[in-house]
Structures are given as structure tokens and as C-alpha cells.
């Protein structure tokens, strides 16, 4: 059997986050498409592990036609409860 390093890393991350109540993913101000794509990829991976991450943009960004995603992205800083 071939050992998949990505699966091993994902299992390690899931174990480290097992007691986490919420996860907020926030990108830097004036984001470019690369950072938004990275945030969405991480959010999707976390969802596949059973978490419910929340994604935040500090600045408005027109996502129309750039990203086709089912992940909700909020504009503004995350609430202090996240």
C-alpha cells in the first residue's frame, strides 16, 4: 500500500483541531485571486474533515465569474466569537 503524505497531514491536522469550536479563515486586505483561491481550498478541505469554517474578506472583492463555489464568504472582520 502506498502511503499518501497528504492524507497523513490531513489526519494530523484533524487531530490537532479536534477540540476547536470554530474556525475563521481571513485573508489580507486588498486580496488577489490567489489568496482567495487558497482560502477556499482550505475551507473545502476543512469541510471534508467535518469542520464548519467561516471565510472572511476584509475588503470587498467582486467574486462574480472568478470563483464558482458553494462556500459562503463574508465581507468584514470576523466576529469576536469566532
Protein backbone atom coordinates (compact mmCIF):
# COMPACT_ATOMS: atom_id res chain seq x y z
CA UNK A 1 0.00 0.00 0.00
CA UNK A 2 1.27 3.46 -0.93
CA UNK A 3 1.46 5.99 1.91
CA UNK A 4 -0.25 9.25 0.88
CA UNK A 5 1.53 12.14 2.64
CA UNK A 6 -1.45 14.48 2.10
CA UNK A 7 -3.81 12.09 3.84
CA UNK A 8 -1.36 11.75 6.73
CA UNK A 9 -1.11 15.56 7.03
CA UNK A 10 -4.90 15.92 6.89
CA UNK A 11 -5.35 13.33 9.65
CA UNK A 12 -2.74 15.12 11.77
CA UNK A 13 -4.48 18.47 11.25
CA UNK A 14 -7.87 16.99 12.09
CA UNK A 15 -6.48 15.53 15.31
CA UNK A 16 -4.89 18.86 16.32
CA UNK A 17 -8.17 20.70 15.68
CA UNK A 18 -10.45 18.18 17.38
CA UNK A 19 -11.27 20.50 20.31
CA UNK A 20 -11.68 23.64 18.19
CA UNK A 21 -15.19 25.07 18.33
CA UNK A 22 -14.95 27.40 15.32
CA UNK A 23 -12.53 28.22 12.52
CA UNK A 24 -12.30 31.61 10.81
CA UNK A 25 -10.27 31.96 7.64
CA UNK A 26 -9.32 35.59 6.95
CA UNK A 27 -7.24 36.89 4.05
CA UNK A 28 -5.12 40.02 3.96
CA UNK A 29 -6.55 43.40 2.90
CA UNK A 30 -6.78 44.05 -0.85
CA UNK A 31 -6.80 40.34 -1.70
CA UNK A 32 -5.80 38.91 -5.05
CA UNK A 33 -7.46 35.85 -6.60
CA UNK A 34 -4.61 33.56 -5.50
CA UNK A 35 -5.17 34.17 -1.78
CA UNK A 36 -8.95 33.85 -2.15
CA UNK A 37 -8.49 30.56 -4.00
CA UNK A 38 -6.17 29.32 -1.25
CA UNK A 39 -8.72 30.27 1.41
CA UNK A 40 -11.49 28.45 -0.47
CA UNK A 41 -9.33 25.34 -0.95
CA UNK A 42 -8.51 25.24 2.76
CA UNK A 43 -12.17 25.81 3.64
CA UNK A 44 -13.23 22.93 1.38
CA UNK A 45 -10.61 20.62 2.93
CA UNK A 46 -11.78 21.57 6.43
CA UNK A 47 -15.40 20.92 5.43
CA UNK A 48 -14.43 17.48 4.13
CA UNK A 49 -12.88 16.79 7.56
CA UNK A 50 -16.16 17.66 9.26
CA UNK A 51 -15.46 21.25 10.32
CA UNK A 52 -17.56 24.33 9.51
CA UNK A 53 -15.06 27.06 8.65
CA UNK A 54 -16.17 30.64 8.11
CA UNK A 55 -14.43 32.69 5.41
CA UNK A 56 -13.90 36.45 5.65
CA UNK A 57 -12.60 39.13 3.30
CA UNK A 58 -11.52 42.36 4.98
CA UNK A 59 -12.11 44.29 1.73
CA UNK A 60 -14.91 43.84 -0.82
CA UNK A 61 -13.88 41.76 -3.83
CA UNK A 62 -16.07 41.04 -6.85
CA UNK A 63 -16.29 37.24 -6.90
CA UNK A 64 -18.70 37.12 -9.82
CA UNK A 65 -17.24 34.92 -12.54
CA UNK A 66 -13.97 34.44 -10.65
CA UNK A 67 -14.94 31.64 -8.27
CA UNK A 68 -17.76 29.14 -8.57
CA UNK A 69 -18.10 27.96 -5.00
CA UNK A 70 -20.69 26.82 -2.51
CA UNK A 71 -18.65 28.29 0.35
CA UNK A 72 -20.10 31.45 1.86
CA UNK A 73 -17.66 34.36 2.02
CA UNK A 74 -18.43 37.27 4.34
CA UNK A 75 -17.00 40.77 3.95
CA UNK A 76 -15.61 42.39 7.07
CA UNK A 77 -13.69 41.21 10.10
CA UNK A 78 -14.81 38.02 11.82
CA UNK A 79 -16.88 38.43 14.98
CA UNK A 80 -15.01 38.04 18.22
CA UNK A 81 -16.93 34.81 18.88
CA UNK A 82 -15.15 33.03 16.01
